[in-house]
Amino acid sequence: MEYHAFESSNVFCTGLAFVPKEEGVNEMEEEEDDGWTIAFVHYEDTNLSQVHIIERKKLSGEAVAKITLPCKVPYGFHEAFMPISF
């Protein structure tokens, strides 16, 4: 089993969501875990909040992006990914 570990203690996350990749032309060839996990992360020691984007196929690796937020996202917050086609 693979998991994602944060770089220090007193770091907590909430509201995980899966966002699938839409690269394949043939949906039958796409793998079930081909996409990203989005997590709201809060560093208790520094009061910093971020959104981490983690590639599902490399779950134990570094986040591919970390977006710093202007305020803390409350624990227990849940988000949802809604694909929109134009």
PDB file of N, CA and C in Angstrom:
ATOM      1  N   MET A   1       0.849  -1.184   0.000  1.00  0.00           N
ATOM      2  CA  MET A   1       0.000   0.000   0.000  1.00  0.00           C
ATOM      3  C   MET A   1       0.891   1.242   0.000  1.00  0.00           C
ATOM      4  N   GLU A   2       0.556   2.192  -0.838  1.00  0.00           N
ATOM      5  CA  GLU A   2       1.327   3.428  -0.943  1.00  0.00           C
ATOM      6  C   GLU A   2       0.566   4.552  -0.251  1.00  0.00           C
ATOM      7  N   TYR A   3       1.309   5.478   0.367  1.00  0.00           N
ATOM      8  CA  TYR A   3       0.677   6.612   1.043  1.00  0.00           C
ATOM      9  C   TYR A   3       1.550   7.845   0.887  1.00  0.00           C
ATOM     10  N   HIS A   4       0.971   9.005   1.168  1.00  0.00           N
ATOM     11  CA  HIS A   4       1.689  10.280   1.084  1.00  0.00           C
ATOM     12  C   HIS A   4       1.993  10.748   2.504  1.00  0.00           C
ATOM     13  N   ALA A   5       3.252  11.062   2.773  1.00  0.00           N
ATOM     14  CA  ALA A   5       3.655  11.551   4.093  1.00  0.00           C
ATOM     15  C   ALA A   5       4.099  13.008   3.978  1.00  0.00           C
ATOM     16  N   PHE A   6       3.721  13.810   4.959  1.00  0.00           N
ATOM     17  CA  PHE A   6       4.136  15.209   4.981  1.00  0.00           C
ATOM     18  C   PHE A   6       5.543  15.327   5.541  1.00  0.00           C
ATOM     19  N   GLU A   7       6.208  16.423   5.202  1.00  0.00           N
ATOM     20  CA  GLU A   7       7.618  16.611   5.537  1.00  0.00           C
ATOM     21  C   GLU A   7       7.896  16.880   7.010  1.00  0.00           C
ATOM     22  N   SER A   8       6.887  17.194   7.795  1.00  0.00           N
ATOM     23  CA  SER A   8       7.111  17.466   9.215  1.00  0.00           C
ATOM     24  C   SER A   8       5.877  17.069  10.028  1.00  0.00           C
ATOM     25  N   SER A   9       6.027  17.122  11.349  1.00  0.00           N
ATOM     26  CA  SER A   9       4.880  16.822  12.205  1.00  0.00           C
ATOM     27  C   SER A   9       4.009  18.065  12.351  1.00  0.00           C
ATOM     28  N   ASN A  10       2.873  17.909  12.961  1.00  0.00           N
ATOM     29  CA  ASN A  10       1.902  18.998  13.133  1.00  0.00           C
ATOM     30  C   ASN A  10       1.408  19.555  11.803  1.00  0.00           C
ATOM     31  N   VAL A  11       1.321  18.668  10.803  1.00  0.00           N
ATOM     32  CA  VAL A  11       0.767  19.015   9.504  1.00  0.00           C
ATOM     33  C   VAL A  11      -0.455  18.125   9.306  1.00  0.00           C
ATOM     34  N   PHE A  12      -1.582  18.739   8.988  1.00  0.00           N
ATOM     35  CA  PHE A  12      -2.826  17.989   8.876  1.00  0.00           C
ATOM     36  C   PHE A  12      -3.530  18.343   7.568  1.00  0.00           C
ATOM     37  N   CYS A  13      -4.251  17.380   7.021  1.00  0.00           N
ATOM     38  CA  CYS A  13      -4.988  17.658   5.786  1.00  0.00           C
ATOM     39  C   CYS A  13      -6.441  17.244   5.942  1.00  0.00           C
ATOM     40  N   THR A  14      -7.270  17.784   5.066  1.00  0.00           N
ATOM     41  CA  THR A  14      -8.692  17.498   5.080  1.00  0.00           C
ATOM     42  C   THR A  14      -9.238  17.626   3.670  1.00  0.00           C
ATOM     43  N   GLY A  15     -10.380  17.051   3.446  1.00  0.00           N
ATOM     44  CA  GLY A  15     -11.100  17.247   2.187  1.00  0.00           C
ATOM     45  C   GLY A  15     -10.395  16.747   0.955  1.00  0.00           C
ATOM     46  N   LEU A  16     -10.011  15.483   0.915  1.00  0.00           N
ATOM     47  CA  LEU A  16      -9.342  14.947  -0.268  1.00  0.00           C
ATOM     48  C   LEU A  16     -10.324  14.774  -1.420  1.00  0.00           C
ATOM     49  N   ALA A  17      -9.849  15.076  -2.617  1.00  0.00           N
ATOM     50  CA  ALA A  17     -10.664  14.874  -3.821  1.00  0.00           C
ATOM     51  C   ALA A  17      -9.776  14.293  -4.902  1.00  0.00           C
ATOM     52  N   PHE A  18     -10.344  13.464  -5.769  1.00  0.00           N
ATOM     53  CA  PHE A  18      -9.618  12.899  -6.898  1.00  0.00           C
ATOM     54  C   PHE A  18     -10.040  13.623  -8.163  1.00  0.00           C
ATOM     55  N   VAL A  19      -9.045  14.029  -8.976  1.00  0.00           N
ATOM     56  CA  VAL A  19      -9.296  14.688 -10.250  1.00  0.00           C
ATOM     57  C   VAL A  19      -8.682  13.819 -11.333  1.00  0.00           C
ATOM     58  N   PRO A  20      -9.498  13.206 -12.206  1.00  0.00           N
ATOM     59  CA  PRO A  20      -8.958  12.326 -13.248  1.00  0.00           C
ATOM     60  C   PRO A  20      -8.310  13.109 -14.386  1.00  0.00           C
ATOM     61  N   LYS A  21      -7.301  12.493 -15.022  1.00  0.00           N
ATOM     62  CA  LYS A  21      -6.701  13.080 -16.222  1.00  0.00           C
ATOM     63  C   LYS A  21      -7.637  12.823 -17.396  1.00  0.00           C
ATOM     64  N   GLU A  22      -7.635  13.728 -18.345  1.00  0.00           N
ATOM     65  CA  GLU A  22      -8.465  13.571 -19.544  1.00  0.00           C
ATOM     66  C   GLU A  22      -7.604  13.554 -20.795  1.00  0.00           C
ATOM     67  N   GLU A  23      -6.465  12.882 -20.737  1.00  0.00           N
ATOM     68  CA  GLU A  23      -5.540  12.911 -21.870  1.00  0.00           C
ATOM     69  C   GLU A  23      -5.846  11.869 -22.925  1.00  0.00           C
ATOM     70  N   GLY A  24      -6.317  10.699 -22.521  1.00  0.00           N
ATOM     71  CA  GLY A  24      -6.468   9.587 -23.456  1.00  0.00           C
ATOM     72  C   GLY A  24      -7.605   9.781 -24.430  1.00  0.00           C
ATOM     73  N   VAL A  25      -7.379   9.334 -25.663  1.00  0.00           N
ATOM     74  CA  VAL A  25      -8.430   9.396 -26.669  1.00  0.00           C
ATOM     75  C   VAL A  25      -9.385   8.223 -26.454  1.00  0.00           C
ATOM     76  N   ASN A  26      -8.810   7.105 -26.031  1.00  0.00           N
ATOM     77  CA  ASN A  26      -9.604   5.926 -25.772  1.00  0.00           C
ATOM     78  C   ASN A  26      -9.748   5.758 -24.263  1.00  0.00           C
ATOM     79  N   GLU A  27     -10.942   5.990 -23.745  1.00  0.00           N
ATOM     80  CA  GLU A  27     -11.152   5.921 -22.303  1.00  0.00           C
ATOM     81  C   GLU A  27     -10.878   4.539 -21.738  1.00  0.00           C
ATOM     82  N   MET A  28     -10.972   3.504 -22.566  1.00  0.00           N
ATOM     83  CA  MET A  28     -10.730   2.139 -22.094  1.00  0.00           C
ATOM     84  C   MET A  28      -9.259   1.926 -21.744  1.00  0.00           C
ATOM     85  N   GLU A  29      -8.355   2.732 -22.288  1.00  0.00           N
ATOM     86  CA  GLU A  29      -6.922   2.590 -22.024  1.00  0.00           C
ATOM     87  C   GLU A  29      -6.482   3.347 -20.775  1.00  0.00           C
ATOM     88  N   GLU A  30      -7.314   4.241 -20.286  1.00  0.00           N
ATOM     89  CA  GLU A  30      -6.948   5.017 -19.107  1.00  0.00           C
ATOM     90  C   GLU A  30      -6.967   4.127 -17.873  1.00  0.00           C
ATOM     91  N   GLU A  31      -6.032   4.375 -16.970  1.00  0.00           N
ATOM     92  CA  GLU A  31      -5.981   3.605 -15.739  1.00  0.00           C
ATOM     93  C   GLU A  31      -6.853   4.260 -14.681  1.00  0.00           C
ATOM     94  N   GLU A  32      -7.344   3.450 -13.757  1.00  0.00           N
ATOM     95  CA  GLU A  32      -8.275   3.926 -12.735  1.00  0.00           C
ATOM     96  C   GLU A  32      -7.694   5.044 -11.871  1.00  0.00           C
ATOM     97  N   ASP A  33      -6.392   4.966 -11.556  1.00  0.00           N
ATOM     98  CA  ASP A  33      -5.791   5.973 -10.670  1.00  0.00           C
ATOM     99  C   ASP A  33      -4.989   7.016 -11.430  1.00  0.00           C
ATOM    100  N   ASP A  34      -5.301   7.229 -12.711  1.00  0.00           N
ATOM    101  CA  ASP A  34      -4.580   8.197 -13.529  1.00  0.00           C
ATOM    102  C   ASP A  34      -5.163   9.589 -13.278  1.00  0.00           C
ATOM    103  N   GLY A  35      -4.512  10.343 -12.395  1.00  0.00           N
ATOM    104  CA  GLY A  35      -5.004  11.669 -12.058  1.00  0.00           C
ATOM    105  C   GLY A  35      -4.272  12.214 -10.847  1.00  0.00           C
ATOM    106  N   TRP A  36      -4.927  13.091 -10.118  1.00  0.00           N
ATOM    107  CA  TRP A  36      -4.309  13.769  -8.980  1.00  0.00           C
ATOM    108  C   TRP A  36      -5.220  13.705  -7.757  1.00  0.00           C
ATOM    109  N   THR A  37      -4.606  13.757  -6.579  1.00  0.00           N
ATOM    110  CA  THR A  37      -5.330  13.946  -5.333  1.00  0.00           C
ATOM    111  C   THR A  37      -5.120  15.391  -4.912  1.00  0.00           C
ATOM    112  N   ILE A  38      -6.196  16.069  -4.584  1.00  0.00           N
ATOM    113  CA  ILE A  38      -6.157  17.456  -4.127  1.00  0.00           C
ATOM    114  C   ILE A  38      -6.455  17.446  -2.628  1.00  0.00           C
ATOM    115  N   ALA A  39      -5.608  18.102  -1.832  1.00  0.00           N
ATOM    116  CA  ALA A  39      -5.799  18.115  -0.375  1.00  0.00           C
ATOM    117  C   ALA A  39      -5.558  19.519   0.167  1.00  0.00           C
ATOM    118  N   PHE A  40      -6.402  19.927   1.102  1.00  0.00           N
ATOM    119  CA  PHE A  40      -6.169  21.159   1.854  1.00  0.00           C
ATOM    120  C   PHE A  40      -5.286  20.794   3.036  1.00  0.00           C
ATOM    121  N   VAL A  41      -4.151  21.478   3.178  1.00  0.00           N
ATOM    122  CA  VAL A  41      -3.146  21.146   4.183  1.00  0.00           C
ATOM    123  C   VAL A  41      -2.929  22.352   5.093  1.00  0.00           C
ATOM    124  N   HIS A  42      -2.802  22.082   6.396  1.00  0.00           N
ATOM    125  CA  HIS A  42      -2.538  23.162   7.347  1.00  0.00           C
ATOM    126  C   HIS A  42      -1.336  22.797   8.216  1.00  0.00           C
ATOM    127  N   TYR A  43      -0.382  23.711   8.298  1.00  0.00           N
ATOM    128  CA  TYR A  43       0.816  23.564   9.129  1.00  0.00           C
ATOM    129  C   TYR A  43       0.536  24.278  10.450  1.00  0.00           C
ATOM    130  N   GLU A  44       0.282  23.513  11.498  1.00  0.00           N
ATOM    131  CA  GLU A  44      -0.081  24.092  12.797  1.00  0.00           C
ATOM    132  C   GLU A  44       1.035  24.960  13.382  1.00  0.00           C
ATOM    133  N   ASP A  45       2.292  24.582  13.203  1.00  0.00           N
ATOM    134  CA  ASP A  45       3.407  25.332  13.797  1.00  0.00           C
ATOM    135  C   ASP A  45       3.577  26.727  13.209  1.00  0.00           C
ATOM    136  N   THR A  46       3.245  26.884  11.920  1.00  0.00           N
ATOM    137  CA  THR A  46       3.442  28.176  11.252  1.00  0.00           C
ATOM    138  C   THR A  46       2.135  28.852  10.866  1.00  0.00           C
ATOM    139  N   ASN A  47       1.002  28.160  11.067  1.00  0.00           N
ATOM    140  CA  ASN A  47      -0.322  28.649  10.700  1.00  0.00           C
ATOM    141  C   ASN A  47      -0.452  28.897   9.193  1.00  0.00           C
ATOM    142  N   LEU A  48       0.288  28.125   8.392  1.00  0.00           N
ATOM    143  CA  LEU A  48       0.257  28.231   6.932  1.00  0.00           C
ATOM    144  C   LEU A  48      -0.727  27.213   6.386  1.00  0.00           C
ATOM    145  N   SER A  49      -1.552  27.641   5.427  1.00  0.00           N
ATOM    146  CA  SER A  49      -2.481  26.737   4.750  1.00  0.00           C
ATOM    147  C   SER A  49      -2.149  26.688   3.268  1.00  0.00           C
ATOM    148  N   GLN A  50      -2.219  25.488   2.706  1.00  0.00           N
ATOM    149  CA  GLN A  50      -1.920  25.290   1.290  1.00  0.00           C
ATOM    150  C   GLN A  50      -2.870  24.260   0.691  1.00  0.00           C
ATOM    151  N   VAL A  51      -2.946  24.280  -0.631  1.00  0.00           N
ATOM    152  CA  VAL A  51      -3.580  23.204  -1.388  1.00  0.00           C
ATOM    153  C   VAL A  51      -2.425  22.411  -1.993  1.00  0.00           C
ATOM    154  N   HIS A  52      -2.411  21.103  -1.757  1.00  0.00           N
ATOM    155  CA  HIS A  52      -1.393  20.233  -2.342  1.00  0.00           C
ATOM    156  C   HIS A  52      -2.028  19.423  -3.465  1.00  0.00           C
ATOM    157  N   ILE A  53      -1.336  19.357  -4.588  1.00  0.00           N
ATOM    158  CA  ILE A  53      -1.768  18.549  -5.725  1.00  0.00           C
ATOM    159  C   ILE A  53      -0.753  17.421  -5.861  1.00  0.00           C
ATOM    160  N   ILE A  54      -1.229  16.183  -5.685  1.00  0.00           N
ATOM    161  CA  ILE A  54      -0.347  15.013  -5.619  1.00  0.00           C
ATOM    162  C   ILE A  54      -0.726  14.055  -6.739  1.00  0.00           C
ATOM    163  N   GLU A  55       0.251  13.662  -7.536  1.00  0.00           N
ATOM    164  CA  GLU A  55      -0.010  12.704  -8.611  1.00  0.00           C
ATOM    165  C   GLU A  55      -0.301  11.335  -8.010  1.00  0.00           C
ATOM    166  N   ARG A  56      -1.422  10.725  -8.405  1.00  0.00           N
ATOM    167  CA  ARG A  56      -1.838   9.462  -7.803  1.00  0.00           C
ATOM    168  C   ARG A  56      -0.874   8.318  -8.084  1.00  0.00           C
ATOM    169  N   LYS A  57      -0.241   8.319  -9.253  1.00  0.00           N
ATOM    170  CA  LYS A  57       0.689   7.234  -9.579  1.00  0.00           C
ATOM    171  C   LYS A  57       2.006   7.366  -8.822  1.00  0.00           C
ATOM    172  N   LYS A  58       2.243   8.516  -8.202  1.00  0.00           N
ATOM    173  CA  LYS A  58       3.456   8.756  -7.410  1.00  0.00           C
ATOM    174  C   LYS A  58       3.032   9.291  -6.041  1.00  0.00           C
ATOM    175  N   LEU A  59       2.087   8.626  -5.418  1.00  0.00           N
ATOM    176  CA  LEU A  59       1.483   9.103  -4.183  1.00  0.00           C
ATOM    177  C   LEU A  59       2.498   9.325  -3.068  1.00  0.00           C
ATOM    178  N   SER A  60       3.539   8.514  -3.015  1.00  0.00           N
ATOM    179  CA  SER A  60       4.523   8.673  -1.940  1.00  0.00           C
ATOM    180  C   SER A  60       5.560   9.754  -2.250  1.00  0.00           C
ATOM    181  N   GLY A  61       5.514  10.351  -3.445  1.00  0.00           N
ATOM    182  CA  GLY A  61       6.466  11.394  -3.817  1.00  0.00           C
ATOM    183  C   GLY A  61       6.020  12.784  -3.377  1.00  0.00           C
ATOM    184  N   GLU A  62       6.771  13.778  -3.799  1.00  0.00           N
ATOM    185  CA  GLU A  62       6.454  15.178  -3.503  1.00  0.00           C
ATOM    186  C   GLU A  62       5.184  15.610  -4.236  1.00  0.00           C
ATOM    187  N   ALA A  63       4.501  16.585  -3.696  1.00  0.00           N
ATOM    188  CA  ALA A  63       3.357  17.186  -4.380  1.00  0.00           C
ATOM    189  C   ALA A  63       3.856  17.867  -5.654  1.00  0.00           C
ATOM    190  N   VAL A  64       3.092  17.776  -6.741  1.00  0.00           N
ATOM    191  CA  VAL A  64       3.495  18.429  -7.989  1.00  0.00           C
ATOM    192  C   VAL A  64       3.266  19.930  -7.918  1.00  0.00           C
ATOM    193  N   ALA A  65       2.388  20.359  -6.999  1.00  0.00           N
ATOM    194  CA  ALA A  65       2.151  21.790  -6.796  1.00  0.00           C
ATOM    195  C   ALA A  65       1.662  22.019  -5.372  1.00  0.00           C
ATOM    196  N   LYS A  66       2.065  23.173  -4.809  1.00  0.00           N
ATOM    197  CA  LYS A  66       1.603  23.614  -3.499  1.00  0.00           C
ATOM    198  C   LYS A  66       1.176  25.064  -3.649  1.00  0.00           C
ATOM    199  N   ILE A  67      -0.088  25.329  -3.371  1.00  0.00           N
ATOM    200  CA  ILE A  67      -0.637  26.671  -3.533  1.00  0.00           C
ATOM    201  C   ILE A  67      -0.936  27.234  -2.147  1.00  0.00           C
ATOM    202  N   THR A  68      -0.259  28.320  -1.775  1.00  0.00           N
ATOM    203  CA  THR A  68      -0.473  28.925  -0.462  1.00  0.00           C
ATOM    204  C   THR A  68      -1.775  29.720  -0.459  1.00  0.00           C
ATOM    205  N   LEU A  69      -2.566  29.525   0.590  1.00  0.00           N
ATOM    206  CA  LEU A  69      -3.863  30.179   0.722  1.00  0.00           C
ATOM    207  C   LEU A  69      -3.772  31.375   1.667  1.00  0.00           C
ATOM    208  N   PRO A  70      -4.631  32.366   1.500  1.00  0.00           N
ATOM    209  CA  PRO A  70      -4.581  33.556   2.360  1.00  0.00           C
ATOM    210  C   PRO A  70      -5.122  33.318   3.777  1.00  0.00           C
ATOM    211  N   CYS A  71      -5.841  32.216   3.981  1.00  0.00           N
ATOM    212  CA  CYS A  71      -6.380  31.928   5.314  1.00  0.00           C
ATOM    213  C   CYS A  71      -6.527  30.418   5.493  1.00  0.00           C
ATOM    214  N   LYS A  72      -6.769  30.007   6.723  1.00  0.00           N
ATOM    215  CA  LYS A  72      -6.911  28.588   7.034  1.00  0.00           C
ATOM    216  C   LYS A  72      -8.255  28.065   6.531  1.00  0.00           C
ATOM    217  N   VAL A  73      -8.220  26.879   5.933  1.00  0.00           N
ATOM    218  CA  VAL A  73      -9.443  26.190   5.556  1.00  0.00           C
ATOM    219  C   VAL A  73      -9.866  25.374   6.773  1.00  0.00           C
ATOM    220  N   PRO A  74     -11.086  25.513   7.245  1.00  0.00           N
ATOM    221  CA  PRO A  74     -11.493  24.825   8.474  1.00  0.00           C
ATOM    222  C   PRO A  74     -11.378  23.301   8.344  1.00  0.00           C
ATOM    223  N   TYR A  75     -10.960  22.653   9.421  1.00  0.00           N
ATOM    224  CA  TYR A  75     -10.936  21.198   9.439  1.00  0.00           C
ATOM    225  C   TYR A  75     -12.358  20.695   9.246  1.00  0.00           C
ATOM    226  N   GLY A  76     -12.479  19.627   8.479  1.00  0.00           N
ATOM    227  CA  GLY A  76     -13.800  19.083   8.180  1.00  0.00           C
ATOM    228  C   GLY A  76     -14.378  19.607   6.878  1.00  0.00           C
ATOM    229  N   PHE A  77     -13.690  20.555   6.236  1.00  0.00           N
ATOM    230  CA  PHE A  77     -14.140  21.098   4.954  1.00  0.00           C
ATOM    231  C   PHE A  77     -14.063  19.996   3.899  1.00  0.00           C
ATOM    232  N   HIS A  78     -15.067  19.928   3.039  1.00  0.00           N
ATOM    233  CA  HIS A  78     -15.085  18.940   1.957  1.00  0.00           C
ATOM    234  C   HIS A  78     -15.259  19.668   0.639  1.00  0.00           C
ATOM    235  N   GLU A  79     -14.512  19.206  -0.354  1.00  0.00           N
ATOM    236  CA  GLU A  79     -14.663  19.789  -1.680  1.00  0.00           C
ATOM    237  C   GLU A  79     -15.081  18.702  -2.636  1.00  0.00           C
ATOM    238  N   ALA A  80     -15.416  19.093  -3.847  1.00  0.00           N
ATOM    239  CA  ALA A  80     -15.786  18.139  -4.888  1.00  0.00           C
ATOM    240  C   ALA A  80     -15.248  18.648  -6.205  1.00  0.00           C
ATOM    241  N   PHE A  81     -14.847  17.732  -7.069  1.00  0.00           N
ATOM    242  CA  PHE A  81     -14.390  18.090  -8.408  1.00  0.00           C
ATOM    243  C   PHE A  81     -15.530  17.857  -9.375  1.00  0.00           C
ATOM    244  N   MET A  82     -15.869  18.875 -10.155  1.00  0.00           N
ATOM    245  CA  MET A  82     -16.937  18.777 -11.138  1.00  0.00           C
ATOM    246  C   MET A  82     -16.367  19.055 -12.512  1.00  0.00           C
ATOM    247  N   PRO A  83     -16.230  18.030 -13.368  1.00  0.00           N
ATOM    248  CA  PRO A  83     -15.697  18.274 -14.702  1.00  0.00           C
ATOM    249  C   PRO A  83     -16.686  19.094 -15.526  1.00  0.00           C
ATOM    250  N   ILE A  84     -16.183  20.078 -16.242  1.00  0.00           N
ATOM    251  CA  ILE A  84     -17.029  20.918 -17.076  1.00  0.00           C
ATOM    252  C   ILE A  84     -16.496  20.847 -18.498  1.00  0.00           C
ATOM    253  N   SER A  85     -17.350  20.504 -19.419  1.00  0.00           N
ATOM    254  CA  SER A  85     -16.978  20.437 -20.831  1.00  0.00           C
ATOM    255  C   SER A  85     -17.546  21.654 -21.550  1.00  0.00           C
ATOM    256  N   PHE A  86     -16.715  22.239 -22.376  1.00  0.00           N
ATOM    257  CA  PHE A  86     -17.160  23.403 -23.159  1.00  0.00           C
ATOM    258  C   PHE A  86     -17.286  23.029 -24.603  1.00  0.00           C
TER     259      PHE A  86
END
